[in-house]
N, C-alpha and C. Protein backbone atom coordinates (compact mmCIF):
# COMPACT_ATOMS: atom_id res chain seq x y z
N UNK A 1 -32.59 -25.73 15.64
CA UNK A 1 -31.97 -24.92 16.02
C UNK A 1 -33.06 -23.99 16.89
N UNK A 2 -33.64 -23.48 17.86
CA UNK A 2 -34.73 -22.56 18.43
C UNK A 2 -33.80 -21.08 17.35
N UNK A 3 -34.94 -20.54 17.17
CA UNK A 3 -34.39 -18.87 17.07
C UNK A 3 -33.38 -17.62 17.69
N UNK A 4 -33.89 -18.21 19.25
CA UNK A 4 -33.40 -17.01 20.13
C UNK A 4 -31.55 -17.85 19.99
N UNK A 5 -31.52 -18.95 19.77
CA UNK A 5 -30.26 -19.96 20.04
C UNK A 5 -29.69 -19.68 19.04
N UNK A 6 -29.75 -19.52 17.65
CA UNK A 6 -29.30 -19.20 16.17
C UNK A 6 -28.99 -17.63 16.51
N UNK A 7 -30.28 -16.77 17.31
CA UNK A 7 -29.90 -15.36 17.06
C UNK A 7 -28.50 -14.90 17.85
N UNK A 8 -28.24 -15.60 19.24
CA UNK A 8 -27.12 -15.51 19.92
C UNK A 8 -26.25 -16.46 19.25
N UNK A 9 -26.33 -16.97 18.75
CA UNK A 9 -24.83 -17.54 17.80
C UNK A 9 -24.15 -16.74 16.71
N UNK A 10 -25.24 -16.13 16.47
CA UNK A 10 -24.61 -15.01 14.94
C UNK A 10 -24.64 -14.39 15.60
N UNK A 11 -24.97 -12.96 16.16
CA UNK A 11 -24.90 -12.20 17.04
C UNK A 11 -23.55 -12.64 18.07
N UNK A 12 -22.90 -13.76 19.15
CA UNK A 12 -21.31 -13.71 19.10
C UNK A 12 -20.30 -13.52 17.92
N UNK A 13 -20.90 -14.80 16.84
CA UNK A 13 -20.06 -14.77 15.73
C UNK A 13 -19.99 -13.38 15.41
N UNK A 14 -20.53 -12.52 15.10
CA UNK A 14 -19.99 -10.89 14.35
C UNK A 14 -19.56 -10.43 15.27
N UNK A 15 -19.73 -10.55 16.55
CA UNK A 15 -19.12 -9.88 17.48
C UNK A 15 -17.47 -10.46 17.46
N UNK A 16 -17.87 -11.47 17.37
CA UNK A 16 -16.05 -11.97 17.45
C UNK A 16 -15.51 -11.51 16.28
N UNK A 17 -16.11 -11.51 15.24
CA UNK A 17 -15.63 -11.11 13.70
C UNK A 17 -14.95 -9.46 14.02
N UNK A 18 -16.02 -8.69 14.28
CA UNK A 18 -16.31 -7.31 14.65
C UNK A 18 -14.57 -7.26 15.31
N UNK A 19 -14.64 -7.79 16.51
CA UNK A 19 -13.45 -7.75 17.24
C UNK A 19 -11.88 -8.33 16.67
N UNK A 20 -11.99 -9.35 15.86
CA UNK A 20 -10.89 -9.24 15.18
C UNK A 20 -10.47 -8.46 14.26
N UNK A 21 -11.68 -8.02 13.22
CA UNK A 21 -11.16 -7.03 12.70
C UNK A 21 -10.82 -5.71 12.90
N UNK A 22 -11.21 -5.18 13.91
CA UNK A 22 -10.53 -4.18 15.12
C UNK A 22 -9.34 -4.53 15.72
N UNK A 23 -8.89 -5.48 16.20
CA UNK A 23 -7.63 -5.71 16.36
C UNK A 23 -6.56 -5.69 15.18
N UNK A 24 -6.84 -6.31 13.89
CA UNK A 24 -6.27 -6.46 12.74
C UNK A 24 -5.67 -4.63 12.53
N UNK A 25 -7.12 -3.94 12.36
CA UNK A 25 -6.66 -2.53 11.78
C UNK A 25 -6.09 -1.78 13.09
N UNK A 26 -5.98 -2.34 14.34
CA UNK A 26 -5.37 -1.64 15.19
C UNK A 26 -3.79 -1.68 15.19
N UNK A 27 -3.22 -3.14 14.90
CA UNK A 27 -2.27 -3.73 14.61
C UNK A 27 -1.74 -3.00 13.34
N UNK A 28 -2.30 -3.25 12.51
CA UNK A 28 -1.39 -2.06 11.27
C UNK A 28 -1.33 -0.59 11.31
N UNK A 29 -2.61 -0.08 11.95
CA UNK A 29 -2.70 1.53 12.20
C UNK A 29 -1.65 1.80 13.25
N UNK A 30 -1.67 1.45 14.11
CA UNK A 30 -0.64 1.91 15.15
C UNK A 30 1.02 2.19 14.21
N UNK A 31 1.47 3.39 14.87
CA UNK A 31 2.53 3.78 14.39
C UNK A 31 3.56 3.27 15.07
N UNK A 32 4.92 2.94 14.32
CA UNK A 32 6.10 2.69 14.84
C UNK A 32 6.67 3.00 16.01
N UNK A 33 7.61 2.39 16.51
CA UNK A 33 8.54 3.35 17.59
C UNK A 33 9.16 4.43 17.12
N UNK A 34 9.36 4.25 15.70
CA UNK A 34 9.80 5.45 15.35
C UNK A 34 9.13 6.40 14.53
N UNK A 35 7.59 6.58 14.65
CA UNK A 35 7.00 7.60 13.95
C UNK A 35 6.21 7.55 13.34
N UNK A 36 6.58 6.03 11.93
CA UNK A 36 6.33 6.07 11.07
C UNK A 36 5.56 4.99 10.65
N UNK A 37 4.71 5.06 9.98
CA UNK A 37 3.43 4.29 9.54
C UNK A 37 3.92 2.69 8.82
N UNK A 38 5.11 2.99 7.60
CA UNK A 38 5.15 1.65 7.03
C UNK A 38 6.19 1.04 8.03
N UNK A 39 5.74 -0.39 8.05
CA UNK A 39 6.52 -1.69 8.82
C UNK A 39 7.50 -2.48 7.87
N UNK A 40 8.38 -1.89 7.41
CA UNK A 40 9.30 -3.12 6.47
C UNK A 40 9.80 -4.17 7.19
N UNK A 41 9.97 -3.60 8.59
CA UNK A 41 10.87 -4.88 9.56
C UNK A 41 9.95 -5.77 9.86
N UNK A 42 8.14 -5.25 9.62
CA UNK A 42 7.29 -6.37 10.26
C UNK A 42 7.45 -8.03 9.55
N UNK A 43 7.54 -8.91 9.63
CA UNK A 43 8.02 -10.20 8.51
C UNK A 43 6.47 -10.44 8.19
N UNK A 44 5.89 -9.98 9.20
CA UNK A 44 3.97 -10.33 8.63
C UNK A 44 3.30 -9.42 7.84
N UNK A 45 3.34 -8.15 8.31
CA UNK A 45 3.00 -6.87 7.54
C UNK A 45 3.61 -7.39 5.79
N UNK A 46 4.81 -7.40 5.93
CA UNK A 46 5.82 -7.89 4.59
C UNK A 46 5.09 -8.89 3.85
N UNK A 47 4.74 -9.62 4.74
CA UNK A 47 4.49 -10.82 3.82
C UNK A 47 3.18 -10.93 3.31
N UNK A 48 2.11 -10.30 3.45
CA UNK A 48 0.83 -9.59 3.49
C UNK A 48 0.93 -9.02 2.36
N UNK A 49 1.88 -7.45 2.23
CA UNK A 49 1.67 -7.11 1.54
C UNK A 49 2.23 -7.44 0.13
N UNK A 50 3.71 -8.40 0.17
CA UNK A 50 3.90 -9.18 -1.04
C UNK A 50 2.41 -9.78 -1.92
N UNK A 51 1.76 -10.71 -1.16
CA UNK A 51 0.74 -11.59 -1.26
C UNK A 51 0.09 -10.06 -2.11
N UNK A 52 -0.37 -9.26 -1.40
CA UNK A 52 -1.00 -8.10 -2.25
C UNK A 52 -0.48 -7.36 -3.81
N UNK A 53 1.26 -6.97 -3.32
CA UNK A 53 1.95 -6.54 -4.83
C UNK A 53 1.59 -7.51 -5.48
N UNK A 54 1.95 -8.82 -5.45
CA UNK A 54 1.45 -10.15 -6.28
C UNK A 54 0.22 -9.88 -7.33
N UNK A 55 -0.87 -10.06 -6.29
CA UNK A 55 -1.99 -10.06 -7.26
C UNK A 55 -2.84 -8.32 -7.51
N UNK A 56 -1.86 -7.58 -7.25
CA UNK A 56 -2.75 -6.07 -7.77
C UNK A 56 -1.49 -4.87 -8.65
N UNK A 57 -0.26 -5.25 -8.37
CA UNK A 57 0.63 -4.52 -8.60
C UNK A 57 1.77 -5.34 -9.89
N UNK A 58 2.09 -6.30 -9.67
CA UNK A 58 2.86 -6.70 -10.50
C UNK A 58 2.81 -6.92 -11.45
N UNK A 59 1.23 -6.58 -11.80
CA UNK A 59 0.97 -7.24 -13.47
C UNK A 59 1.55 -5.81 -14.42
N UNK A 60 2.01 -4.53 -13.57
CA UNK A 60 2.15 -3.63 -14.51
C UNK A 60 4.08 -2.97 -13.40
N UNK A 61 4.17 -3.32 -12.57
CA UNK A 61 5.41 -2.76 -11.75
C UNK A 61 6.16 -3.90 -11.98
N UNK A 62 5.86 -4.62 -12.12
CA UNK A 62 6.75 -5.75 -12.63
C UNK A 62 6.86 -6.71 -11.17
N UNK A 63 6.94 -7.84 -11.66
CA UNK A 63 7.33 -8.98 -10.14
C UNK A 63 8.26 -8.63 -9.50
N UNK A 64 9.63 -8.00 -10.32
CA UNK A 64 10.67 -7.95 -9.37
C UNK A 64 10.65 -6.07 -8.74
N UNK A 65 9.28 -5.54 -9.23
CA UNK A 65 9.55 -4.26 -8.92
C UNK A 65 10.16 -3.31 -10.12
N UNK A 66 10.39 -3.47 -11.40
CA UNK A 66 11.24 -3.05 -12.38
C UNK A 66 10.21 -2.08 -12.69
N UNK A 67 9.33 -2.14 -13.07
CA UNK A 67 8.31 -1.22 -13.68
C UNK A 67 8.32 -1.28 -15.24
N UNK A 68 7.93 -0.62 -16.10
CA UNK A 68 7.77 -1.07 -17.51
C UNK A 68 8.88 -0.36 -18.42
N UNK A 69 8.86 -0.99 -19.34
CA UNK A 69 10.36 -0.20 -20.28
C UNK A 69 10.30 1.58 -20.61
N UNK A 70 11.09 2.21 -19.78
CA UNK A 70 10.92 4.00 -20.87
C UNK A 70 9.86 4.47 -19.86
N UNK A 71 9.90 4.19 -18.43
CA UNK A 71 9.08 4.77 -17.43
C UNK A 71 8.59 6.23 -17.14
N UNK A 72 10.11 7.22 -17.54
CA UNK A 72 10.05 8.64 -17.96
C UNK A 72 9.22 8.71 -19.35
N UNK A 73 8.90 7.98 -19.78
CA UNK A 73 8.95 8.65 -20.98
C UNK A 73 7.81 8.17 -21.48
N UNK A 74 6.44 9.18 -21.88
CA UNK A 74 5.06 8.87 -21.98
C UNK A 74 4.32 8.21 -23.08
N UNK A 75 4.28 7.29 -22.93
CA UNK A 75 3.13 6.55 -24.18
C UNK A 75 2.37 7.69 -24.96
N UNK A 76 1.98 6.84 -26.25
CA UNK A 76 1.33 7.43 -27.67
C UNK A 76 0.03 8.17 -27.15
N UNK A 77 -0.76 7.16 -25.79
CA UNK A 77 -1.66 7.89 -25.16
C UNK A 77 -1.68 9.13 -24.33
N UNK A 78 -0.35 9.38 -23.90
CA UNK A 78 0.25 10.33 -22.85
C UNK A 78 0.15 10.13 -21.81
N UNK A 79 0.07 8.90 -21.09
CA UNK A 79 0.16 8.58 -19.96
C UNK A 79 1.63 8.24 -19.56
N UNK A 80 2.15 8.20 -18.83
CA UNK A 80 3.30 7.35 -18.35
C UNK A 80 2.84 6.06 -17.52
N UNK A 81 4.39 5.39 -18.22
CA UNK A 81 4.30 4.12 -17.84
C UNK A 81 4.56 3.71 -16.02
N UNK A 82 4.41 2.52 -15.73
CA UNK A 82 4.06 2.02 -15.06
C UNK A 82 5.76 2.34 -14.24
N UNK A 83 5.85 3.25 -13.00
CA UNK A 83 7.64 3.48 -13.06
C UNK A 83 7.83 2.15 -11.90
N UNK A 84 8.89 1.85 -11.61
CA UNK A 84 9.54 1.12 -11.16
C UNK A 84 9.67 1.45 -9.09
N UNK A 85 9.34 0.05 -8.69
CA UNK A 85 9.19 0.02 -7.10
C UNK A 85 10.99 0.37 -6.28
N UNK A 86 11.68 -0.17 -7.40
CA UNK A 86 13.00 -0.56 -6.74
C UNK A 86 13.92 0.45 -6.36
N UNK A 87 15.03 0.28 -5.93
CA UNK A 87 16.09 1.98 -5.47
C UNK A 87 16.20 2.26 -7.36
N UNK A 88 15.64 2.17 -8.06
CA UNK A 88 16.03 2.84 -9.72
C UNK A 88 15.06 3.58 -10.02
N UNK A 89 13.77 3.54 -9.24
CA UNK A 89 12.79 4.15 -9.67
C UNK A 89 12.91 5.22 -8.54
N UNK A 90 11.53 6.64 -8.56
CA UNK A 90 11.50 7.32 -7.17
C UNK A 90 10.62 7.16 -6.08
N UNK A 91 9.38 6.21 -5.83
CA UNK A 91 9.12 5.64 -4.94
C UNK A 91 9.71 6.04 -4.04
N UNK A 92 11.22 6.05 -3.03
CA UNK A 92 11.46 6.56 -2.00
C UNK A 92 11.30 7.33 -1.92
N UNK A 93 11.20 8.40 -2.95
CA UNK A 93 11.65 9.99 -3.02
C UNK A 93 10.33 10.97 -2.11
N UNK A 94 9.34 9.77 -2.19
CA UNK A 94 8.20 10.51 -1.61
C UNK A 94 7.83 9.85 -0.67
N UNK A 95 7.02 10.84 0.75
CA UNK A 95 7.03 10.74 1.83
C UNK A 95 5.81 9.39 2.37
N UNK A 96 5.85 8.94 3.36
CA UNK A 96 4.94 7.95 3.49
C UNK A 96 3.13 8.18 3.14
N UNK A 97 3.36 9.65 3.15
CA UNK A 97 1.75 9.52 3.25
C UNK A 97 1.60 10.30 2.30
N UNK A 98 2.63 10.51 1.07
CA UNK A 98 1.92 10.68 -0.22
C UNK A 98 2.08 9.51 -0.96
N UNK A 99 2.45 8.70 -0.69
CA UNK A 99 2.52 6.71 -1.30
C UNK A 99 1.48 6.30 -0.96
N UNK A 100 0.58 6.59 0.22
CA UNK A 100 -0.23 6.08 0.79
C UNK A 100 -1.86 6.70 0.02
N UNK A 101 -1.70 8.47 -0.05
CA UNK A 101 -2.53 8.95 -0.79
C UNK A 101 -2.70 8.78 -2.46
N UNK A 102 -1.68 8.60 -2.71
CA UNK A 102 -1.71 7.88 -4.25
C UNK A 102 -1.70 6.81 -4.88
N UNK A 103 -1.68 5.49 -3.61
CA UNK A 103 -2.28 4.49 -3.91
C UNK A 103 -3.36 4.00 -3.72
N UNK A 104 -4.25 4.93 -2.66
CA UNK A 104 -5.62 4.88 -2.25
C UNK A 104 -6.39 5.84 -3.45
N UNK A 105 -5.84 6.96 -3.66
CA UNK A 105 -6.75 8.13 -3.90
C UNK A 105 -6.37 8.46 -5.98
N UNK A 106 -5.32 7.66 -5.55
CA UNK A 106 -4.89 7.74 -7.62
C UNK A 106 -3.68 9.31 -7.44
N UNK A 107 -2.92 9.53 -8.23
CA UNK A 107 -1.91 10.70 -8.11
C UNK A 107 -2.95 12.28 -8.84
N UNK A 108 -4.28 12.01 -9.48
CA UNK A 108 -4.88 13.29 -9.92
C UNK A 108 -5.26 14.17 -8.43
N UNK A 109 -5.99 13.33 -7.44
CA UNK A 109 -6.35 13.47 -5.94
C UNK A 109 -5.14 13.75 -5.07
N UNK A 110 -4.23 12.68 -5.55
CA UNK A 110 -3.48 13.00 -4.47
C UNK A 110 -2.35 14.44 -4.77
N UNK A 111 -2.39 14.60 -5.68
CA UNK A 111 -1.38 15.64 -5.84
C UNK A 111 -2.23 17.14 -6.44
N UNK A 112 -3.24 17.31 -6.65
CA UNK A 112 -4.27 18.03 -6.96
C UNK A 112 -4.17 18.22 -8.44
N UNK A 113 -3.97 17.21 -9.38
CA UNK A 113 -3.47 17.53 -11.24
C UNK A 113 -4.87 17.22 -11.13
N UNK A 114 -5.86 17.91 -11.85
CA UNK A 114 -7.06 18.03 -12.11
C UNK A 114 -6.99 17.59 -13.52
N UNK A 115 -7.26 16.36 -14.49
CA UNK A 115 -7.42 15.94 -15.82
C UNK A 115 -6.07 15.49 -15.80
N UNK A 116 -5.16 14.47 -14.54
CA UNK A 116 -4.38 13.75 -15.00
C UNK A 116 -4.61 12.69 -15.30
N UNK A 117 -4.11 11.28 -16.01
CA UNK A 117 -4.66 10.32 -16.74
C UNK A 117 -3.68 9.63 -16.40
N UNK A 118 -3.54 8.65 -16.01
CA UNK A 118 -3.31 7.34 -15.49
C UNK A 118 -4.15 5.91 -15.81
N UNK A 119 -2.95 5.34 -16.20
CA UNK A 119 -3.25 3.74 -16.02
C UNK A 119 -3.70 3.00 -14.61
N UNK A 120 -2.86 3.31 -13.60
CA UNK A 120 -3.32 2.92 -11.90
C UNK A 120 -4.45 3.10 -11.45
N UNK A 121 -4.83 2.02 -11.59
CA UNK A 121 -6.25 2.19 -10.42
C UNK A 121 -6.33 3.12 -9.57
N UNK A 122 -7.66 3.49 -8.87
CA UNK A 122 -7.85 4.23 -7.53
C UNK A 122 -7.75 2.81 -6.89
N UNK A 123 -7.45 2.71 -5.18
CA UNK A 123 -7.80 1.33 -5.08
C UNK A 123 -8.21 2.08 -3.54
N UNK A 124 -9.19 2.78 -3.50
CA UNK A 124 -9.58 2.89 -2.22
C UNK A 124 -10.92 2.84 -1.90
N UNK A 125 -11.74 1.45 -3.03
CA UNK A 125 -12.79 0.32 -3.00
C UNK A 125 -12.38 -0.64 -3.48
N UNK A 126 -10.97 -0.88 -3.62
CA UNK A 126 -10.45 -2.20 -4.16
C UNK A 126 -9.73 -2.50 -3.21
N UNK A 127 -8.86 -1.89 -2.01
CA UNK A 127 -7.71 -1.81 -1.02
C UNK A 127 -8.08 -1.55 0.26
N UNK A 128 -7.65 -2.60 1.50
CA UNK A 128 -8.84 -1.56 2.57
C UNK A 128 -6.88 -0.91 2.93
N UNK A 129 -7.48 0.17 3.65
CA UNK A 129 -5.76 0.56 4.52
C UNK A 129 -4.57 0.01 4.36
N UNK A 130 -5.15 -0.83 5.59
CA UNK A 130 -3.88 -2.26 6.00
C UNK A 130 -3.36 -2.74 4.90
N UNK A 131 -4.12 -3.16 4.07
CA UNK A 131 -3.60 -3.70 2.29
C UNK A 131 -2.51 -3.07 1.65
N UNK A 132 -2.87 -1.53 1.87
CA UNK A 132 -2.43 -0.16 0.93
C UNK A 132 -0.85 -0.34 1.73
N UNK A 133 -1.10 0.04 3.45
CA UNK A 133 -0.02 0.10 4.04
C UNK A 133 0.81 -1.25 4.36
N UNK A 134 0.30 -2.50 4.02
CA UNK A 134 1.23 -3.70 3.85
C UNK A 134 1.96 -3.75 3.08
N UNK A 135 1.36 -3.78 1.79
CA UNK A 135 2.12 -3.11 0.26
C UNK A 135 3.36 -2.39 -0.07
N UNK A 136 2.40 -1.38 0.71
CA UNK A 136 4.13 0.21 0.91
C UNK A 136 5.18 -0.63 1.61
N UNK A 137 4.72 -1.01 2.38
CA UNK A 137 6.03 -1.90 3.51
C UNK A 137 6.38 -2.77 2.93
N UNK A 138 5.92 -4.03 2.34
CA UNK A 138 6.37 -4.99 1.32
C UNK A 138 7.42 -3.92 0.48
N UNK A 139 7.22 -2.83 -0.23
CA UNK A 139 8.32 -2.22 -1.04
C UNK A 139 9.12 -1.52 -0.73
N UNK A 140 9.20 -1.24 0.18
CA UNK A 140 10.16 -0.52 1.54
C UNK A 140 11.11 -1.76 1.77
N UNK A 141 10.83 -3.19 1.94
CA UNK A 141 11.30 -3.55 2.66
C UNK A 141 12.38 -4.34 1.75
N UNK A 142 12.42 -3.94 -0.03
CA UNK A 142 13.10 -4.83 -0.34
C UNK A 142 14.17 -3.39 -1.06
N UNK A 143 14.38 -2.33 -0.41
CA UNK A 143 15.03 -1.36 -0.81
C UNK A 143 16.40 -1.70 -0.06
N UNK A 144 17.76 -1.22 -0.16
CA UNK A 144 18.83 -1.11 0.60
C UNK A 144 18.82 -0.33 2.04
N UNK A 145 19.67 -1.03 2.90
CA UNK A 145 19.17 0.16 3.98
C UNK A 145 19.42 1.52 3.75
N UNK A 146 20.65 1.92 3.00
CA UNK A 146 20.70 3.25 2.36
C UNK A 146 19.93 4.13 1.94
N UNK A 147 19.10 3.47 1.24
CA UNK A 147 18.06 4.00 0.55
C UNK A 147 16.63 4.48 1.57
N UNK A 148 16.76 2.98 2.49
CA UNK A 148 15.84 3.43 3.50
C UNK A 148 16.10 4.00 4.76
N UNK A 149 17.33 4.38 4.49
CA UNK A 149 17.65 5.40 5.39
C UNK A 149 17.24 6.63 5.00
N UNK A 150 17.26 6.79 3.63
CA UNK A 150 16.96 8.10 2.92
C UNK A 150 15.96 8.43 3.30
N UNK A 151 14.58 7.52 2.81
CA UNK A 151 13.29 7.69 2.75
C UNK A 151 12.98 8.04 4.28
N UNK A 152 13.75 6.99 5.52
CA UNK A 152 13.51 7.63 6.75
C UNK A 152 13.39 9.00 7.09
N UNK A 153 14.90 9.48 6.59
CA UNK A 153 15.06 10.84 6.87
C UNK A 153 14.07 11.90 5.99
N UNK A 154 13.16 11.77 5.07
CA UNK A 154 12.55 12.31 4.48
C UNK A 154 11.55 12.53 5.76
N UNK A 155 10.66 11.59 6.54
CA UNK A 155 9.64 11.70 7.13
C UNK A 155 10.05 12.79 8.26
N UNK A 156 11.25 13.06 8.87
CA UNK A 156 11.69 13.74 10.04
C UNK A 156 11.55 15.46 9.42
N UNK A 157 12.11 15.52 7.56
CA UNK A 157 11.98 16.82 7.13
C UNK A 157 10.77 17.82 7.62
């Protein structure tokens, strides 16, 4: 294949990939009709989030979002166990922006708690923003309607 044709083909492929990536980013980042970032009613986003959860979160937070035993009691190293993300935990008490920030930047940075230690990885360089939104959407999709409504109300406060 001549150099100019190969360059054209590579350029076109790059452009298509860039367009697809931008389209996916716009899809995930558009705000819902109700003004919220998470999409617990979007089957595509929730399915993607379930995969991310299985790959990156379930080993600590549990396959069924149940968290580690005694999650409110510090371990001998002073760190807290992974909390549940089901309705028995406190995840739904936090607004979407806080959940996103904790996941992306870690609790110490998100809550400005200098010196806070946690076993949870900082996902800033491990997951894309779209993957974080998807996993949080998956988690929210598992909550009973009453809890989801209470969580939605927190967004309006």
